Amino acid sequence: MGDGLFGVLVVLGLVVTLGLFVAGLWVQKKRHERFAAWALRHGWTYARADHALVEISRGQPFGQGGARRATEVLRGTYDGRAALSFSYQWTTGSGKNRSTHHAHIVALALPTYLPTVEVTPEGIGARLAKLVGAQDVQLESEAFNRAYRVAATDQRTGHAILHPRLMERLLRGDAVGSAWRIDGTWILSWEPGTTDLDRLASRLGLLSAVVRSVPRHVWQDHGYDPAPTTIGQQDA
């Protein structure tokens, strides 16, 4: 009797496991269909994965842990610039201490390379990682310094980009708490969790506001001369 009950429990366990597996596949299939439909509707493209994107940056949240993956990859244009969105996944620890982490990455392409400037909310997240070769930047706005931590590989560029008008923009309700980084030829932001399509437009809008507010002389110092009426002359 005992052996029979054990056998029944084993079979039930296998059935439940298989059922959960199938349900997971169905949910994932529907999620892919939703992303593909969103891309089609907005004139973007969608790919389930792109391994090359795990190397897009060396700053947080990239470059840590293992089993790194870039999935749910959306590509298109926003405000006239190449735009990118994907779910980034990595693991830390091993065995029973193994943990899987997710971040939703949103990025806009820049017209030229710029020195790294990273802006993160003050608190635990701001202390998780320190950019190699970067220095903390203190700005003239005490309110901004209380709200954010700024690191830059070139202090002059950091001060020029984070001028009073942009600092005011970043203290508005829709921007406070956002983490972003100018990183070579990209400006990107990251948030915990997988891709949230409902927040994609607002996050791209914030990144675009930062790019549009970069002073013309900063671009010129790095080999690019924008039309003065389109970059550096508009309100962020």
Protein backbone atom coordinates (compact mmCIF):
# COMPACT_ATOMS: atom_id res chain seq x y z
CA MET A 1 0.00 0.00 0.00
CA GLY A 2 2.82 2.36 0.95
CA ASP A 3 4.68 1.66 -2.28
CA GLY A 4 1.51 2.22 -4.29
CA LEU A 5 0.84 5.57 -2.61
CA PHE A 6 4.44 6.60 -3.21
CA GLY A 7 4.09 5.73 -6.89
CA VAL A 8 0.90 7.76 -7.18
CA LEU A 9 2.59 10.76 -5.56
CA VAL A 10 5.54 10.48 -7.95
CA VAL A 11 3.22 10.39 -10.96
CA LEU A 12 1.22 13.33 -9.63
CA GLY A 13 4.43 15.25 -9.09
CA LEU A 14 5.55 14.58 -12.65
CA VAL A 15 2.15 15.64 -14.00
CA VAL A 16 2.22 18.89 -12.01
CA THR A 17 5.78 19.63 -13.13
CA LEU A 18 4.93 18.96 -16.75
CA GLY A 19 1.80 21.09 -16.43
CA LEU A 20 3.77 24.02 -15.01
CA PHE A 21 6.37 23.65 -17.77
CA VAL A 22 3.73 23.70 -20.50
CA ALA A 23 1.97 26.65 -18.87
CA GLY A 24 5.26 28.53 -18.72
CA LEU A 25 5.87 27.92 -22.42
CA TRP A 26 2.37 29.15 -23.23
CA VAL A 27 2.83 32.34 -21.19
CA GLN A 28 6.20 32.98 -22.85
CA LYS A 29 4.72 32.40 -26.31
CA LYS A 30 1.96 34.90 -25.63
CA ARG A 31 4.50 37.40 -24.31
CA HIS A 32 6.58 37.08 -27.50
CA GLU A 33 3.44 37.58 -29.57
CA ARG A 34 2.63 40.72 -27.62
CA PHE A 35 6.12 42.13 -28.19
CA ALA A 36 6.06 41.29 -31.88
CA ALA A 37 2.66 43.00 -32.24
CA TRP A 38 3.93 46.08 -30.38
CA ALA A 39 6.97 46.28 -32.67
CA LEU A 40 4.82 45.96 -35.78
CA ARG A 41 2.43 48.63 -34.56
CA HIS A 42 5.25 51.12 -33.85
CA GLY A 43 7.46 50.34 -36.85
CA TRP A 44 10.14 48.68 -34.72
CA THR A 45 11.70 45.22 -34.99
CA TYR A 46 11.62 42.43 -32.43
CA ALA A 47 14.02 39.58 -31.72
CA ARG A 48 13.74 37.06 -28.91
CA ALA A 49 17.44 37.38 -28.05
CA ASP A 50 20.71 39.05 -29.06
CA HIS A 51 23.76 37.82 -27.16
CA ALA A 52 25.95 40.69 -28.39
CA LEU A 53 23.96 43.14 -26.26
CA VAL A 54 25.35 41.74 -23.02
CA GLU A 55 28.55 43.61 -23.95
CA ILE A 56 26.89 46.96 -24.68
CA SER A 57 28.32 48.39 -21.46
CA ARG A 58 30.70 47.58 -18.61
CA GLY A 59 28.90 49.69 -16.05
CA GLN A 60 26.05 48.60 -13.80
CA PRO A 61 24.08 46.40 -14.13
CA PHE A 62 26.41 44.84 -16.72
CA GLY A 63 29.70 43.03 -16.16
CA GLN A 64 28.70 41.14 -13.02
CA GLY A 65 27.70 37.57 -12.34
CA GLY A 66 27.35 34.92 -15.05
CA ALA A 67 24.86 33.33 -17.45
CA ARG A 68 24.21 36.76 -18.95
CA ARG A 69 21.41 37.03 -21.48
CA ALA A 70 19.76 39.79 -23.51
CA THR A 71 16.20 38.90 -24.52
CA GLU A 72 12.99 40.60 -25.67
CA VAL A 73 15.02 42.88 -27.94
CA LEU A 74 13.19 45.81 -29.51
CA ARG A 75 14.88 48.16 -32.00
CA GLY A 76 13.53 51.28 -33.63
CA THR A 77 13.82 55.05 -33.65
CA TYR A 78 12.74 57.65 -31.13
CA ASP A 79 12.99 61.41 -31.64
CA GLY A 80 15.10 60.76 -34.73
CA ARG A 81 17.65 58.56 -32.93
CA ALA A 82 18.24 54.81 -33.00
CA ALA A 83 16.52 53.32 -29.96
CA LEU A 84 16.87 50.01 -28.15
CA SER A 85 15.05 48.10 -25.43
CA PHE A 86 15.78 44.68 -23.98
CA SER A 87 15.55 42.52 -20.87
CA TYR A 88 18.95 41.81 -19.35
CA GLN A 89 19.42 38.76 -17.13
CA TRP A 90 22.36 37.53 -15.06
CA THR A 91 23.02 35.18 -12.16
CA THR A 92 25.07 35.48 -8.99
CA GLY A 93 26.11 32.87 -6.44
CA SER A 94 25.89 29.12 -6.86
CA GLY A 95 23.95 26.13 -5.59
CA LYS A 96 21.28 27.08 -3.06
CA ASN A 97 22.64 30.65 -3.04
CA ARG A 98 22.22 31.09 -6.79
CA SER A 99 20.07 34.09 -7.70
CA THR A 100 18.77 35.33 -11.05
CA HIS A 101 18.50 39.08 -11.62
CA HIS A 102 16.65 41.06 -14.29
CA ALA A 103 16.86 44.62 -15.56
CA HIS A 104 14.99 46.43 -18.29
CA ILE A 105 17.51 48.33 -20.43
CA VAL A 106 16.48 51.28 -22.60
CA ALA A 107 19.00 53.12 -24.78
CA LEU A 108 19.41 55.81 -27.43
CA ALA A 109 22.35 56.03 -29.84
CA LEU A 110 24.53 59.14 -29.68
CA PRO A 111 26.01 60.85 -32.76
CA THR A 112 29.54 60.62 -31.35
CA TYR A 113 31.51 59.18 -28.45
CA LEU A 114 31.20 61.06 -25.15
CA PRO A 115 33.05 60.48 -21.85
CA THR A 116 31.06 58.47 -19.33
CA VAL A 117 28.64 60.33 -17.08
CA GLU A 118 26.50 58.25 -14.72
CA VAL A 119 23.57 59.59 -12.71
CA THR A 120 21.99 57.32 -10.10
CA PRO A 121 19.56 58.00 -7.25
CA GLU A 122 21.23 58.42 -3.88
CA GLY A 123 20.88 55.35 -1.67
CA ILE A 124 21.75 51.67 -1.80
CA GLY A 125 21.62 51.44 -5.58
CA ALA A 126 24.12 54.25 -5.97
CA ARG A 127 26.63 52.36 -3.85
CA LEU A 128 26.39 49.05 -5.66
CA ALA A 129 29.10 49.89 -8.18
CA LYS A 130 31.65 52.61 -8.83
CA LEU A 131 32.78 53.37 -12.34
CA VAL A 132 36.42 52.52 -12.94
CA GLY A 133 38.38 55.74 -13.31
CA ALA A 134 35.36 57.89 -12.49
CA GLN A 135 35.15 60.59 -9.86
CA ASP A 136 32.21 61.77 -7.80
CA VAL A 137 30.87 65.08 -9.08
CA GLN A 138 29.33 67.64 -6.72
CA LEU A 139 27.14 70.23 -8.41
CA GLU A 140 25.92 73.65 -7.35
CA SER A 141 22.38 72.43 -6.67
CA GLU A 142 22.06 71.04 -3.15
CA ALA A 143 18.66 69.57 -4.01
CA PHE A 144 20.20 67.70 -6.93
CA ASN A 145 23.15 66.50 -4.84
CA ARG A 146 20.74 65.12 -2.25
CA ALA A 147 18.69 63.32 -4.88
CA TYR A 148 21.47 61.90 -7.07
CA ARG A 149 24.98 60.57 -7.14
CA VAL A 150 26.99 61.63 -10.19
CA ALA A 151 30.16 59.94 -11.45
CA ALA A 152 32.13 61.07 -14.48
CA THR A 153 35.36 60.02 -16.14
CA ASP A 154 35.85 63.66 -17.14
CA GLN A 155 34.68 66.20 -14.58
CA ARG A 156 34.61 69.08 -17.05
CA THR A 157 32.24 67.19 -19.33
CA GLY A 158 30.13 66.08 -16.39
CA HIS A 159 29.65 69.66 -15.18
CA ALA A 160 28.91 70.88 -18.71
CA ILE A 161 26.24 68.25 -19.34
CA LEU A 162 24.58 68.61 -15.93
CA HIS A 163 23.88 72.32 -16.25
CA PRO A 164 21.16 73.99 -14.11
CA ARG A 165 18.40 73.54 -16.71
CA LEU A 166 18.98 69.78 -16.96
CA MET A 167 19.27 69.42 -13.19
CA GLU A 168 15.88 71.12 -12.86
CA ARG A 169 14.44 68.69 -15.42
CA LEU A 170 15.84 65.69 -13.53
CA LEU A 171 14.18 66.85 -10.31
CA ARG A 172 10.70 66.64 -11.82
CA GLY A 173 8.42 63.86 -10.68
CA ASP A 174 8.72 61.73 -13.80
CA ALA A 175 12.53 61.73 -13.60
CA VAL A 176 13.35 61.43 -9.89
CA GLY A 177 14.59 57.93 -9.10
CA SER A 178 15.78 57.21 -12.65
CA ALA A 179 19.28 55.86 -13.24
CA TRP A 180 21.02 56.59 -16.54
CA ARG A 181 24.46 56.72 -18.05
CA ILE A 182 26.12 58.29 -21.06
CA ASP A 183 28.33 55.40 -22.11
CA GLY A 184 30.44 55.87 -25.23
CA THR A 185 28.06 56.09 -28.18
CA TRP A 186 24.97 55.25 -26.12
CA ILE A 187 22.90 56.81 -23.39
CA LEU A 188 21.10 54.09 -21.46
CA SER A 189 18.92 53.62 -18.42
CA TRP A 190 18.09 50.55 -16.36
CA GLU A 191 15.34 49.49 -13.98
CA PRO A 192 14.85 46.24 -12.04
CA GLY A 193 12.61 43.67 -13.70
CA THR A 194 11.88 42.55 -17.23
CA THR A 195 10.69 44.74 -20.09
CA ASP A 196 7.78 47.03 -19.23
CA LEU A 197 6.28 48.26 -22.51
CA ASP A 198 4.04 50.72 -20.67
CA ARG A 199 7.08 52.65 -19.38
CA LEU A 200 9.15 52.49 -22.55
CA ALA A 201 7.98 55.78 -24.07
CA SER A 202 8.46 57.82 -20.88
CA ARG A 203 11.93 56.41 -20.31
CA LEU A 204 12.97 57.08 -23.89
CA GLY A 205 11.56 60.59 -23.51
CA LEU A 206 13.77 61.26 -20.50
CA LEU A 207 16.89 60.01 -22.29
CA SER A 208 16.02 62.14 -25.32
CA ALA A 209 15.62 65.18 -23.08
CA VAL A 210 19.12 64.62 -21.71
CA VAL A 211 20.60 64.30 -25.21
CA ARG A 212 18.81 67.40 -26.47
CA SER A 213 20.12 69.42 -23.54
CA VAL A 214 23.80 68.59 -24.12
CA PRO A 215 25.51 71.91 -24.92
CA ARG A 216 26.77 72.36 -28.45
CA HIS A 217 30.37 72.91 -27.32
CA VAL A 218 30.41 69.45 -25.67
CA TRP A 219 29.52 67.83 -28.98
CA GLN A 220 32.08 69.97 -30.80
CA ASP A 221 34.79 69.03 -28.30
CA HIS A 222 34.21 65.39 -29.32
CA GLY A 223 34.15 65.79 -33.08
CA TYR A 224 30.50 66.45 -33.83
CA ASP A 225 28.77 69.72 -34.65
CA PRO A 226 24.99 69.52 -34.29
CA ALA A 227 22.59 72.01 -35.79
CA PRO A 228 22.36 74.62 -33.03
CA THR A 229 18.58 74.76 -33.29
CA THR A 230 18.15 71.03 -32.60
CA ILE A 231 20.61 70.21 -29.84
CA GLY A 232 21.68 72.34 -26.92
CA GLN A 233 19.16 75.11 -27.68
CA GLN A 234 15.92 73.40 -26.70
CA ASP A 235 14.32 73.10 -23.32
CA ALA A 236 14.87 69.70 -21.75
